[in-house]
Amino acid sequence: MKILAFDTSSSVISIALQNEEELVFFDQVAPLQHTQLILPKIKSMLDSCDISLNQLDAVAYACGPGSFTGIRIASSVVQGIGLATSLPIVPVSSLAVLAQTAYLEQQWTNLLVALDARMDQVYWAVYQTNAHGIVELFGEEQVLFPDQTIINNKCLDWYGVGDGWDRYQTILSKHGARRIAKEQQPDARALLSLAKIKLKNGDWVASCDAIPVYLR
């Protein structure tokens, strides 16, 4: 399987290219530089694997929520690639990518994702990892005031992920998270893990439907 995946929903630009068994990865903290970096980096990664866009099986992107500018950049790039190649486009939630990253890096299985959504709110989602090591959403992703956040099972050991825990930790501490990764950044390799499952299940869209998800 050959899949290109990228996430520009935060200050980090993260790109991963799966070329059968080979995996090429780029990750850089680059606020305000996403537009300058993304296309040249995609090209250099494809060149390093000696493949073209048309040889890919799909392209995946983090569709949001997150930085409004960042998710619009990802959407625009993936739309352009889709129009040029007619490849399947796989949108993946930015919150799911963050949860999957935390699982891969920390082995945390019960995840409370909270991203700062400005306006005194957070993007909130509850994820749990299944037996195959893939995070699954419980309930729905929402934009809420921190004191409105809830979880359905307080008997589990929960872990907090995302910068919302930094700004609103006093309020969110009601959930009793055992540990918190406030500075966790999304990783395109985690995005790839989720995109493979979605592609296998036929959960992809045409380029015209590759739109940002704001939750607002």
N, C-alpha and C. Protein backbone atom coordinates (compact mmCIF):
# COMPACT_ATOMS: atom_id res chain seq x y z
N MET A 1 0.84 -1.19 0.00
CA MET A 1 0.00 0.00 0.00
C MET A 1 0.88 1.25 0.00
N LYS A 2 0.44 2.24 -0.77
CA LYS A 2 1.20 3.49 -0.88
C LYS A 2 0.27 4.66 -0.53
N ILE A 3 0.55 5.29 0.62
CA ILE A 3 -0.31 6.37 1.10
C ILE A 3 0.55 7.55 1.55
N LEU A 4 0.14 8.72 1.13
CA LEU A 4 0.73 9.96 1.62
C LEU A 4 -0.22 10.54 2.66
N ALA A 5 0.33 10.98 3.80
CA ALA A 5 -0.50 11.53 4.87
C ALA A 5 0.18 12.78 5.44
N PHE A 6 -0.63 13.79 5.74
CA PHE A 6 -0.03 14.99 6.35
C PHE A 6 -1.01 15.67 7.29
N ASP A 7 -0.41 16.35 8.28
CA ASP A 7 -1.16 17.06 9.30
C ASP A 7 -0.55 18.45 9.47
N THR A 8 -1.37 19.47 9.26
CA THR A 8 -0.93 20.86 9.48
C THR A 8 -1.88 21.57 10.43
N SER A 9 -2.53 20.82 11.30
CA SER A 9 -3.57 21.38 12.17
C SER A 9 -3.02 22.11 13.39
N SER A 10 -1.71 22.05 13.59
CA SER A 10 -1.09 22.70 14.74
C SER A 10 0.14 23.47 14.27
N SER A 11 0.99 23.85 15.20
CA SER A 11 2.22 24.55 14.82
C SER A 11 3.24 23.61 14.18
N VAL A 12 2.97 22.33 14.25
CA VAL A 12 3.84 21.32 13.65
C VAL A 12 3.34 20.95 12.26
N ILE A 13 4.26 20.81 11.32
CA ILE A 13 3.92 20.20 10.04
C ILE A 13 4.49 18.78 10.07
N SER A 14 3.63 17.81 9.85
CA SER A 14 4.02 16.41 9.94
C SER A 14 3.55 15.69 8.68
N ILE A 15 4.47 15.02 8.01
CA ILE A 15 4.17 14.33 6.74
C ILE A 15 4.75 12.92 6.82
N ALA A 16 3.98 11.94 6.37
CA ALA A 16 4.46 10.56 6.32
C ALA A 16 4.09 9.95 4.97
N LEU A 17 4.98 9.18 4.44
CA LEU A 17 4.76 8.50 3.17
C LEU A 17 5.01 7.01 3.34
N GLN A 18 3.95 6.22 3.20
CA GLN A 18 4.06 4.77 3.24
C GLN A 18 4.22 4.26 1.82
N ASN A 19 5.36 3.66 1.53
CA ASN A 19 5.65 3.11 0.20
C ASN A 19 5.88 1.61 0.35
N GLU A 20 4.77 0.85 0.34
CA GLU A 20 4.82 -0.58 0.64
C GLU A 20 5.41 -0.76 2.04
N GLU A 21 6.59 -1.36 2.18
CA GLU A 21 7.18 -1.58 3.50
C GLU A 21 8.04 -0.40 3.96
N GLU A 22 8.30 0.51 3.06
CA GLU A 22 9.16 1.67 3.39
C GLU A 22 8.31 2.81 3.95
N LEU A 23 8.82 3.47 5.00
CA LEU A 23 8.13 4.61 5.58
C LEU A 23 9.09 5.79 5.65
N VAL A 24 8.69 6.90 5.04
CA VAL A 24 9.47 8.13 5.08
C VAL A 24 8.68 9.15 5.88
N PHE A 25 9.37 9.89 6.73
CA PHE A 25 8.68 10.75 7.68
C PHE A 25 9.38 12.09 7.81
N PHE A 26 8.57 13.16 7.90
CA PHE A 26 9.09 14.50 8.14
C PHE A 26 8.24 15.17 9.21
N ASP A 27 8.91 15.83 10.15
CA ASP A 27 8.20 16.46 11.26
C ASP A 27 9.00 17.69 11.68
N GLN A 28 8.31 18.85 11.76
CA GLN A 28 9.01 20.07 12.15
C GLN A 28 8.05 21.06 12.79
N VAL A 29 8.48 21.65 13.89
CA VAL A 29 7.73 22.77 14.45
C VAL A 29 8.00 23.97 13.55
N ALA A 30 6.95 24.46 12.89
CA ALA A 30 7.14 25.49 11.87
C ALA A 30 5.93 26.41 11.81
N PRO A 31 5.66 27.16 12.88
CA PRO A 31 4.50 28.07 12.85
C PRO A 31 4.63 29.07 11.72
N LEU A 32 3.53 29.24 10.98
CA LEU A 32 3.43 30.20 9.88
C LEU A 32 4.28 29.82 8.66
N GLN A 33 4.81 28.59 8.64
CA GLN A 33 5.64 28.16 7.50
C GLN A 33 5.05 26.97 6.75
N HIS A 34 3.85 26.56 7.11
CA HIS A 34 3.27 25.35 6.51
C HIS A 34 3.16 25.47 4.99
N THR A 35 2.70 26.63 4.51
CA THR A 35 2.50 26.78 3.06
C THR A 35 3.82 26.71 2.31
N GLN A 36 4.89 27.21 2.92
CA GLN A 36 6.19 27.19 2.25
C GLN A 36 6.81 25.80 2.24
N LEU A 37 6.49 25.00 3.26
CA LEU A 37 7.18 23.72 3.42
C LEU A 37 6.46 22.54 2.79
N ILE A 38 5.14 22.55 2.81
CA ILE A 38 4.43 21.29 2.56
C ILE A 38 4.65 20.72 1.15
N LEU A 39 4.50 21.52 0.13
CA LEU A 39 4.64 20.98 -1.23
C LEU A 39 6.08 20.57 -1.55
N PRO A 40 7.10 21.39 -1.25
CA PRO A 40 8.47 20.94 -1.48
C PRO A 40 8.82 19.67 -0.71
N LYS A 41 8.32 19.55 0.53
CA LYS A 41 8.63 18.35 1.30
C LYS A 41 7.94 17.11 0.73
N ILE A 42 6.70 17.27 0.30
CA ILE A 42 6.01 16.15 -0.33
C ILE A 42 6.78 15.69 -1.56
N LYS A 43 7.20 16.64 -2.37
CA LYS A 43 7.94 16.29 -3.59
C LYS A 43 9.25 15.57 -3.26
N SER A 44 9.99 16.09 -2.28
CA SER A 44 11.27 15.46 -1.95
C SER A 44 11.08 14.06 -1.39
N MET A 45 9.99 13.85 -0.63
CA MET A 45 9.74 12.52 -0.09
C MET A 45 9.34 11.53 -1.19
N LEU A 46 8.51 12.00 -2.12
CA LEU A 46 8.16 11.14 -3.26
C LEU A 46 9.40 10.81 -4.08
N ASP A 47 10.24 11.81 -4.32
CA ASP A 47 11.46 11.59 -5.09
C ASP A 47 12.38 10.60 -4.39
N SER A 48 12.46 10.69 -3.07
CA SER A 48 13.34 9.79 -2.32
C SER A 48 12.88 8.34 -2.42
N CYS A 49 11.57 8.16 -2.64
CA CYS A 49 11.01 6.80 -2.79
C CYS A 49 10.88 6.40 -4.26
N ASP A 50 11.23 7.34 -5.15
CA ASP A 50 11.17 7.11 -6.60
C ASP A 50 9.76 6.73 -7.06
N ILE A 51 8.76 7.46 -6.54
CA ILE A 51 7.39 7.25 -6.98
C ILE A 51 6.75 8.61 -7.27
N SER A 52 5.64 8.59 -7.99
CA SER A 52 4.91 9.81 -8.31
C SER A 52 3.58 9.82 -7.57
N LEU A 53 2.92 10.96 -7.55
CA LEU A 53 1.60 11.05 -6.93
C LEU A 53 0.63 10.05 -7.54
N ASN A 54 0.69 9.87 -8.85
CA ASN A 54 -0.24 8.96 -9.54
C ASN A 54 -0.05 7.49 -9.15
N GLN A 55 1.08 7.18 -8.55
CA GLN A 55 1.33 5.80 -8.14
C GLN A 55 0.82 5.51 -6.73
N LEU A 56 0.33 6.54 -6.05
CA LEU A 56 -0.21 6.34 -4.71
C LEU A 56 -1.55 5.64 -4.76
N ASP A 57 -1.93 5.01 -3.66
CA ASP A 57 -3.25 4.41 -3.53
C ASP A 57 -4.25 5.39 -2.93
N ALA A 58 -3.75 6.35 -2.14
CA ALA A 58 -4.64 7.32 -1.50
C ALA A 58 -3.80 8.42 -0.87
N VAL A 59 -4.48 9.51 -0.53
CA VAL A 59 -3.86 10.60 0.22
C VAL A 59 -4.74 10.87 1.43
N ALA A 60 -4.12 10.99 2.60
CA ALA A 60 -4.86 11.24 3.85
C ALA A 60 -4.42 12.57 4.43
N TYR A 61 -5.37 13.23 5.08
CA TYR A 61 -5.03 14.51 5.72
C TYR A 61 -5.82 14.67 7.01
N ALA A 62 -5.26 15.43 7.94
CA ALA A 62 -5.96 15.77 9.18
C ALA A 62 -6.92 16.90 8.86
N CYS A 63 -8.20 16.62 8.96
CA CYS A 63 -9.23 17.55 8.48
C CYS A 63 -9.67 18.56 9.52
N GLY A 64 -9.21 18.43 10.77
CA GLY A 64 -9.62 19.34 11.82
C GLY A 64 -10.37 18.56 12.90
N PRO A 65 -10.73 19.26 13.95
CA PRO A 65 -10.54 20.69 14.21
C PRO A 65 -9.11 21.01 14.59
N GLY A 66 -8.82 22.29 14.65
CA GLY A 66 -7.49 22.75 15.00
C GLY A 66 -7.31 24.17 14.52
N SER A 67 -6.08 24.52 14.22
CA SER A 67 -5.79 25.84 13.67
C SER A 67 -6.60 26.05 12.40
N PHE A 68 -7.40 27.11 12.35
CA PHE A 68 -8.22 27.35 11.17
C PHE A 68 -7.36 27.45 9.92
N THR A 69 -6.26 28.20 10.01
CA THR A 69 -5.37 28.34 8.85
C THR A 69 -4.75 27.01 8.49
N GLY A 70 -4.29 26.26 9.50
CA GLY A 70 -3.63 24.99 9.24
C GLY A 70 -4.51 23.97 8.56
N ILE A 71 -5.75 23.83 9.01
CA ILE A 71 -6.61 22.81 8.40
C ILE A 71 -7.08 23.26 7.01
N ARG A 72 -7.14 24.57 6.78
CA ARG A 72 -7.46 25.04 5.42
C ARG A 72 -6.31 24.75 4.46
N ILE A 73 -5.09 24.88 4.96
CA ILE A 73 -3.92 24.55 4.13
C ILE A 73 -3.97 23.09 3.72
N ALA A 74 -4.19 22.20 4.70
CA ALA A 74 -4.24 20.76 4.40
C ALA A 74 -5.35 20.45 3.41
N SER A 75 -6.51 21.06 3.61
CA SER A 75 -7.64 20.81 2.72
C SER A 75 -7.34 21.28 1.30
N SER A 76 -6.74 22.45 1.17
CA SER A 76 -6.42 22.99 -0.15
C SER A 76 -5.41 22.10 -0.88
N VAL A 77 -4.39 21.67 -0.15
CA VAL A 77 -3.36 20.83 -0.77
C VAL A 77 -3.95 19.50 -1.22
N VAL A 78 -4.75 18.87 -0.36
CA VAL A 78 -5.30 17.57 -0.70
C VAL A 78 -6.33 17.68 -1.83
N GLN A 79 -7.07 18.77 -1.87
CA GLN A 79 -7.99 18.99 -3.00
C GLN A 79 -7.23 19.09 -4.31
N GLY A 80 -6.12 19.83 -4.29
CA GLY A 80 -5.31 19.97 -5.49
C GLY A 80 -4.75 18.63 -5.97
N ILE A 81 -4.25 17.86 -5.02
CA ILE A 81 -3.71 16.53 -5.38
C ILE A 81 -4.82 15.65 -5.92
N GLY A 82 -5.98 15.69 -5.27
CA GLY A 82 -7.10 14.86 -5.70
C GLY A 82 -7.59 15.23 -7.09
N LEU A 83 -7.67 16.52 -7.37
CA LEU A 83 -8.10 16.96 -8.70
C LEU A 83 -7.12 16.52 -9.78
N ALA A 84 -5.83 16.54 -9.44
CA ALA A 84 -4.80 16.19 -10.43
C ALA A 84 -4.69 14.69 -10.66
N THR A 85 -5.07 13.89 -9.66
CA THR A 85 -4.82 12.46 -9.73
C THR A 85 -6.06 11.58 -9.65
N SER A 86 -7.19 12.13 -9.16
CA SER A 86 -8.41 11.36 -8.90
C SER A 86 -8.22 10.27 -7.86
N LEU A 87 -7.25 10.44 -6.98
CA LEU A 87 -7.00 9.46 -5.92
C LEU A 87 -8.07 9.56 -4.84
N PRO A 88 -8.32 8.47 -4.11
CA PRO A 88 -9.19 8.55 -2.93
C PRO A 88 -8.55 9.46 -1.88
N ILE A 89 -9.38 10.29 -1.27
CA ILE A 89 -8.92 11.19 -0.21
C ILE A 89 -9.51 10.71 1.11
N VAL A 90 -8.65 10.57 2.11
CA VAL A 90 -9.08 10.04 3.41
C VAL A 90 -8.98 11.13 4.47
N PRO A 91 -10.11 11.73 4.87
CA PRO A 91 -10.08 12.72 5.95
C PRO A 91 -10.02 12.01 7.31
N VAL A 92 -9.16 12.49 8.18
CA VAL A 92 -9.03 11.91 9.51
C VAL A 92 -9.09 13.04 10.54
N SER A 93 -9.86 12.86 11.57
CA SER A 93 -9.99 13.85 12.62
C SER A 93 -8.63 14.18 13.25
N SER A 94 -8.38 15.47 13.43
CA SER A 94 -7.15 15.90 14.10
C SER A 94 -7.10 15.42 15.54
N LEU A 95 -8.27 15.35 16.18
CA LEU A 95 -8.32 14.88 17.56
C LEU A 95 -7.99 13.38 17.63
N ALA A 96 -8.46 12.64 16.63
CA ALA A 96 -8.13 11.21 16.56
C ALA A 96 -6.64 11.00 16.34
N VAL A 97 -6.06 11.84 15.48
CA VAL A 97 -4.61 11.74 15.23
C VAL A 97 -3.83 12.00 16.52
N LEU A 98 -4.26 12.99 17.29
CA LEU A 98 -3.58 13.30 18.54
C LEU A 98 -3.72 12.13 19.53
N ALA A 99 -4.91 11.56 19.60
CA ALA A 99 -5.13 10.41 20.48
C ALA A 99 -4.28 9.22 20.04
N GLN A 100 -4.24 8.94 18.74
CA GLN A 100 -3.45 7.82 18.23
C GLN A 100 -1.96 8.05 18.48
N THR A 101 -1.52 9.28 18.33
CA THR A 101 -0.12 9.61 18.61
C THR A 101 0.22 9.33 20.07
N ALA A 102 -0.67 9.74 20.97
CA ALA A 102 -0.44 9.51 22.40
C ALA A 102 -0.40 8.02 22.71
N TYR A 103 -1.24 7.24 22.04
CA TYR A 103 -1.19 5.80 22.24
C TYR A 103 0.14 5.22 21.75
N LEU A 104 0.57 5.62 20.55
CA LEU A 104 1.80 5.08 19.98
C LEU A 104 3.03 5.48 20.80
N GLU A 105 3.02 6.69 21.32
CA GLU A 105 4.20 7.18 22.05
C GLU A 105 4.17 6.85 23.53
N GLN A 106 2.97 6.84 24.13
CA GLN A 106 2.85 6.65 25.57
C GLN A 106 2.22 5.32 25.98
N GLN A 107 1.59 4.64 25.00
CA GLN A 107 0.82 3.41 25.27
C GLN A 107 -0.38 3.68 26.17
N TRP A 108 -0.91 4.90 26.12
CA TRP A 108 -2.12 5.23 26.86
C TRP A 108 -3.33 4.74 26.06
N THR A 109 -4.28 4.09 26.72
CA THR A 109 -5.39 3.49 26.01
C THR A 109 -6.72 4.21 26.19
N ASN A 110 -6.85 4.99 27.26
CA ASN A 110 -8.10 5.73 27.52
C ASN A 110 -7.77 7.22 27.53
N LEU A 111 -8.20 7.93 26.49
CA LEU A 111 -7.67 9.25 26.21
C LEU A 111 -8.75 10.33 26.20
N LEU A 112 -8.49 11.39 26.94
CA LEU A 112 -9.37 12.56 26.96
C LEU A 112 -8.64 13.68 26.23
N VAL A 113 -9.06 13.95 25.00
CA VAL A 113 -8.38 14.93 24.17
C VAL A 113 -9.05 16.29 24.33
N ALA A 114 -8.26 17.28 24.68
CA ALA A 114 -8.77 18.64 24.83
C ALA A 114 -7.81 19.61 24.17
N LEU A 115 -8.26 20.26 23.11
CA LEU A 115 -7.47 21.28 22.43
C LEU A 115 -8.07 22.65 22.70
N ASP A 116 -7.21 23.63 22.90
CA ASP A 116 -7.68 24.99 23.11
C ASP A 116 -8.38 25.47 21.83
N ALA A 117 -9.67 25.81 21.95
CA ALA A 117 -10.46 26.27 20.81
C ALA A 117 -10.66 27.78 20.82
N ARG A 118 -9.92 28.47 21.70
CA ARG A 118 -10.11 29.91 21.89
C ARG A 118 -11.52 30.17 22.41
N MET A 119 -11.85 31.43 22.59
CA MET A 119 -13.18 31.84 23.07
C MET A 119 -13.56 31.09 24.35
N ASP A 120 -12.53 30.76 25.17
CA ASP A 120 -12.73 30.08 26.45
C ASP A 120 -13.36 28.69 26.30
N GLN A 121 -13.12 28.04 25.14
CA GLN A 121 -13.67 26.71 24.89
C GLN A 121 -12.57 25.73 24.52
N VAL A 122 -12.93 24.45 24.50
CA VAL A 122 -12.01 23.41 24.07
C VAL A 122 -12.69 22.52 23.03
N TYR A 123 -11.88 21.98 22.12
CA TYR A 123 -12.33 20.86 21.29
C TYR A 123 -12.14 19.62 22.15
N TRP A 124 -13.20 18.84 22.32
CA TRP A 124 -13.21 17.75 23.30
C TRP A 124 -13.61 16.44 22.65
N ALA A 125 -12.88 15.38 22.95
CA ALA A 125 -13.24 14.05 22.45
C ALA A 125 -12.69 12.98 23.39
N VAL A 126 -13.43 11.90 23.50
CA VAL A 126 -13.05 10.75 24.33
C VAL A 126 -12.72 9.59 23.39
N TYR A 127 -11.51 9.08 23.52
CA TYR A 127 -11.07 7.97 22.67
C TYR A 127 -10.57 6.81 23.53
N GLN A 128 -10.83 5.60 23.05
CA GLN A 128 -10.28 4.41 23.67
C GLN A 128 -9.65 3.53 22.58
N THR A 129 -8.60 2.84 22.95
CA THR A 129 -7.85 2.02 21.99
C THR A 129 -8.40 0.60 21.96
N ASN A 130 -8.64 0.10 20.74
CA ASN A 130 -9.17 -1.25 20.62
C ASN A 130 -8.05 -2.29 20.65
N ALA A 131 -8.42 -3.56 20.49
CA ALA A 131 -7.45 -4.65 20.59
C ALA A 131 -6.42 -4.63 19.48
N HIS A 132 -6.69 -3.87 18.42
CA HIS A 132 -5.76 -3.77 17.30
C HIS A 132 -4.86 -2.54 17.39
N GLY A 133 -4.95 -1.82 18.51
CA GLY A 133 -4.10 -0.66 18.69
C GLY A 133 -4.56 0.56 17.92
N ILE A 134 -5.86 0.66 17.65
CA ILE A 134 -6.42 1.79 16.92
C ILE A 134 -7.42 2.50 17.83
N VAL A 135 -7.31 3.82 17.92
CA VAL A 135 -8.23 4.56 18.79
C VAL A 135 -9.61 4.64 18.15
N GLU A 136 -10.63 4.57 18.99
CA GLU A 136 -12.02 4.67 18.55
C GLU A 136 -12.72 5.75 19.37
N LEU A 137 -13.54 6.53 18.69
CA LEU A 137 -14.26 7.62 19.33
C LEU A 137 -15.45 7.09 20.11
N PHE A 138 -15.60 7.57 21.35
CA PHE A 138 -16.79 7.27 22.14
C PHE A 138 -17.59 8.56 22.30
N GLY A 139 -18.83 8.52 21.87
CA GLY A 139 -19.63 9.73 21.85
C GLY A 139 -19.32 10.51 20.58
N GLU A 140 -19.18 11.82 20.69
CA GLU A 140 -18.90 12.65 19.54
C GLU A 140 -17.87 13.72 19.89
N GLU A 141 -17.22 14.22 18.88
CA GLU A 141 -16.31 15.34 19.07
C GLU A 141 -17.14 16.61 19.20
N GLN A 142 -16.74 17.47 20.15
CA GLN A 142 -17.53 18.66 20.44
C GLN A 142 -16.64 19.85 20.73
N VAL A 143 -17.21 21.03 20.60
CA VAL A 143 -16.57 22.24 21.11
C VAL A 143 -17.41 22.70 22.29
N LEU A 144 -16.75 22.79 23.46
CA LEU A 144 -17.46 23.02 24.72
C LEU A 144 -16.68 23.98 25.62
N PHE A 145 -17.39 24.54 26.58
CA PHE A 145 -16.69 25.20 27.67
C PHE A 145 -16.11 24.11 28.57
N PRO A 146 -14.94 24.31 29.12
CA PRO A 146 -14.28 23.23 29.89
C PRO A 146 -15.14 22.62 30.97
N ASP A 147 -15.98 23.43 31.62
CA ASP A 147 -16.81 22.87 32.69
C ASP A 147 -17.98 22.05 32.18
N GLN A 148 -18.16 22.00 30.84
CA GLN A 148 -19.22 21.19 30.24
C GLN A 148 -18.73 19.81 29.82
N THR A 149 -17.43 19.57 29.88
CA THR A 149 -16.88 18.29 29.42
C THR A 149 -17.27 17.17 30.36
N ILE A 150 -17.59 16.01 29.78
CA ILE A 150 -17.97 14.85 30.58
C ILE A 150 -17.34 13.59 30.00
N ILE A 151 -17.25 12.55 30.83
CA ILE A 151 -16.89 11.22 30.36
C ILE A 151 -17.92 10.25 30.92
N ASN A 152 -18.10 9.13 30.22
CA ASN A 152 -19.17 8.20 30.59
C ASN A 152 -18.74 7.12 31.56
N ASN A 153 -17.44 6.89 31.66
CA ASN A 153 -16.97 5.81 32.53
C ASN A 153 -15.82 6.31 33.38
N LYS A 154 -16.12 6.69 34.60
CA LYS A 154 -15.10 7.22 35.49
C LYS A 154 -14.33 6.11 36.21
N CYS A 155 -14.66 4.86 35.91
CA CYS A 155 -13.97 3.74 36.54
C CYS A 155 -12.65 3.42 35.85
N LEU A 156 -12.48 3.91 34.63
CA LEU A 156 -11.26 3.63 33.88
C LEU A 156 -10.16 4.61 34.25
N ASP A 157 -8.92 4.23 33.93
CA ASP A 157 -7.79 5.13 34.10
C ASP A 157 -7.68 6.00 32.85
N TRP A 158 -7.97 7.27 33.01
CA TRP A 158 -7.96 8.19 31.88
C TRP A 158 -6.68 9.00 31.84
N TYR A 159 -6.31 9.41 30.63
CA TYR A 159 -5.11 10.21 30.42
C TYR A 159 -5.49 11.43 29.57
N GLY A 160 -4.98 12.58 29.95
CA GLY A 160 -5.28 13.82 29.24
C GLY A 160 -4.26 14.12 28.17
N VAL A 161 -4.76 14.57 27.01
CA VAL A 161 -3.90 14.88 25.88
C VAL A 161 -4.32 16.21 25.27
N GLY A 162 -3.35 17.06 24.98
CA GLY A 162 -3.65 18.29 24.25
C GLY A 162 -3.46 19.55 25.07
N ASP A 163 -3.29 20.68 24.36
CA ASP A 163 -2.97 21.93 25.04
C ASP A 163 -4.15 22.51 25.82
N GLY A 164 -5.35 21.99 25.61
CA GLY A 164 -6.47 22.42 26.44
C GLY A 164 -6.25 22.08 27.90
N TRP A 165 -5.50 21.02 28.16
CA TRP A 165 -5.18 20.63 29.54
C TRP A 165 -4.22 21.61 30.18
N ASP A 166 -3.46 22.31 29.38
CA ASP A 166 -2.54 23.30 29.90
C ASP A 166 -3.31 24.53 30.38
N ARG A 167 -4.18 25.03 29.51
CA ARG A 167 -4.89 26.26 29.83
C ARG A 167 -6.01 26.06 30.85
N TYR A 168 -6.65 24.88 30.80
CA TYR A 168 -7.84 24.67 31.64
C TYR A 168 -7.68 23.50 32.60
N GLN A 169 -6.44 23.24 33.03
CA GLN A 169 -6.20 22.06 33.85
C GLN A 169 -6.98 22.08 35.16
N THR A 170 -7.13 23.25 35.76
CA THR A 170 -7.85 23.33 37.02
C THR A 170 -9.28 22.81 36.88
N ILE A 171 -9.93 23.18 35.77
CA ILE A 171 -11.31 22.74 35.55
C ILE A 171 -11.35 21.28 35.09
N LEU A 172 -10.47 20.93 34.17
CA LEU A 172 -10.49 19.57 33.61
C LEU A 172 -9.99 18.52 34.59
N SER A 173 -9.32 18.96 35.66
CA SER A 173 -8.82 18.01 36.64
C SER A 173 -9.94 17.22 37.32
N LYS A 174 -11.19 17.67 37.16
CA LYS A 174 -12.34 16.93 37.72
C LYS A 174 -12.43 15.52 37.15
N HIS A 175 -11.81 15.31 35.98
CA HIS A 175 -11.89 13.99 35.35
C HIS A 175 -10.86 13.01 35.92
N GLY A 176 -9.95 13.52 36.75
CA GLY A 176 -9.01 12.64 37.43
C GLY A 176 -8.02 11.94 36.53
N ALA A 177 -7.56 12.60 35.49
CA ALA A 177 -6.58 11.99 34.58
C ALA A 177 -5.31 11.61 35.34
N ARG A 178 -4.83 10.39 35.12
CA ARG A 178 -3.65 9.91 35.84
C ARG A 178 -2.41 10.68 35.42
N ARG A 179 -2.29 10.91 34.13
CA ARG A 179 -1.16 11.70 33.61
C ARG A 179 -1.67 12.55 32.47
N ILE A 180 -0.94 13.60 32.15
CA ILE A 180 -1.37 14.55 31.13
C ILE A 180 -0.20 14.85 30.20
N ALA A 181 -0.47 14.83 28.90
CA ALA A 181 0.52 15.22 27.89
C ALA A 181 0.04 16.53 27.27
N LYS A 182 0.35 17.63 27.95
CA LYS A 182 -0.14 18.94 27.50
C LYS A 182 0.46 19.35 26.17
N GLU A 183 1.70 18.96 25.93
CA GLU A 183 2.42 19.44 24.75
C GLU A 183 2.49 18.39 23.65
N GLN A 184 1.66 17.36 23.75
CA GLN A 184 1.64 16.33 22.71
C GLN A 184 1.29 16.94 21.36
N GLN A 185 2.07 16.63 20.34
CA GLN A 185 1.83 17.13 19.00
C GLN A 185 1.41 15.98 18.09
N PRO A 186 0.60 16.26 17.08
CA PRO A 186 0.17 15.19 16.17
C PRO A 186 1.32 14.67 15.33
N ASP A 187 1.23 13.41 14.97
CA ASP A 187 2.27 12.72 14.21
C ASP A 187 1.62 12.07 13.00
N ALA A 188 2.14 12.34 11.82
CA ALA A 188 1.54 11.81 10.59
C ALA A 188 1.63 10.29 10.51
N ARG A 189 2.52 9.69 11.26
CA ARG A 189 2.57 8.22 11.28
C ARG A 189 1.33 7.67 11.99
N ALA A 190 0.87 8.38 13.00
CA ALA A 190 -0.40 8.00 13.64
C ALA A 190 -1.55 8.20 12.67
N LEU A 191 -1.50 9.30 11.93
CA LEU A 191 -2.51 9.56 10.89
C LEU A 191 -2.55 8.43 9.87
N LEU A 192 -1.39 7.94 9.48
CA LEU A 192 -1.33 6.81 8.55
C LEU A 192 -2.03 5.58 9.11
N SER A 193 -1.80 5.29 10.38
CA SER A 193 -2.43 4.11 11.00
C SER A 193 -3.95 4.17 10.89
N LEU A 194 -4.50 5.35 11.15
CA LEU A 194 -5.95 5.53 11.08
C LEU A 194 -6.44 5.53 9.64
N ALA A 195 -5.67 6.14 8.74
CA ALA A 195 -6.09 6.24 7.34
C ALA A 195 -6.15 4.87 6.67
N LYS A 196 -5.25 3.99 7.02
CA LYS A 196 -5.25 2.64 6.43
C LYS A 196 -6.56 1.92 6.74
N ILE A 197 -7.01 2.04 7.97
CA ILE A 197 -8.26 1.40 8.38
C ILE A 197 -9.44 2.00 7.61
N LYS A 198 -9.48 3.33 7.53
CA LYS A 198 -10.57 3.99 6.84
C LYS A 198 -10.58 3.64 5.35
N LEU A 199 -9.41 3.60 4.74
CA LEU A 199 -9.33 3.26 3.32
C LEU A 199 -9.81 1.82 3.09
N LYS A 200 -9.39 0.90 3.95
CA LYS A 200 -9.81 -0.50 3.83
C LYS A 200 -11.32 -0.63 3.94
N ASN A 201 -11.93 0.22 4.77
CA ASN A 201 -13.38 0.18 4.98
C ASN A 201 -14.15 1.01 3.95
N GLY A 202 -13.45 1.57 2.99
CA GLY A 202 -14.11 2.38 1.97
C GLY A 202 -14.54 3.74 2.46
N ASP A 203 -13.97 4.18 3.55
CA ASP A 203 -14.36 5.46 4.16
C ASP A 203 -13.45 6.57 3.63
N TRP A 204 -13.68 6.96 2.40
CA TRP A 204 -12.89 8.03 1.78
C TRP A 204 -13.81 8.90 0.94
N VAL A 205 -13.29 10.03 0.48
CA VAL A 205 -14.11 10.97 -0.28
C VAL A 205 -13.39 11.38 -1.56
N ALA A 206 -14.15 12.00 -2.45
CA ALA A 206 -13.55 12.63 -3.62
C ALA A 206 -12.96 13.97 -3.23
N SER A 207 -12.10 14.51 -4.08
CA SER A 207 -11.38 15.74 -3.74
C SER A 207 -12.32 16.90 -3.43
N CYS A 208 -13.46 16.97 -4.11
CA CYS A 208 -14.38 18.09 -3.90
C CYS A 208 -15.00 18.07 -2.50
N ASP A 209 -14.94 16.91 -1.83
CA ASP A 209 -15.53 16.80 -0.50
C ASP A 209 -14.47 16.81 0.61
N ALA A 210 -13.23 17.11 0.24
CA ALA A 210 -12.16 17.15 1.21
C ALA A 210 -12.13 18.54 1.85
N ILE A 211 -12.98 18.73 2.82
CA ILE A 211 -13.18 20.05 3.40
C ILE A 211 -12.70 20.09 4.85
N PRO A 212 -12.40 21.28 5.36
CA PRO A 212 -12.01 21.41 6.77
C PRO A 212 -13.20 21.11 7.69
N VAL A 213 -12.89 20.62 8.88
CA VAL A 213 -13.90 20.40 9.91
C VAL A 213 -13.58 21.35 11.05
N TYR A 214 -14.47 22.31 11.31
CA TYR A 214 -14.23 23.32 12.33
C TYR A 214 -14.92 23.01 13.65
N LEU A 215 -15.99 22.24 13.63
CA LEU A 215 -16.86 21.94 14.77
C LEU A 215 -17.68 23.15 15.21
N ARG A 216 -17.35 24.32 14.75
CA ARG A 216 -18.15 25.51 15.07
C ARG A 216 -19.03 25.82 13.87
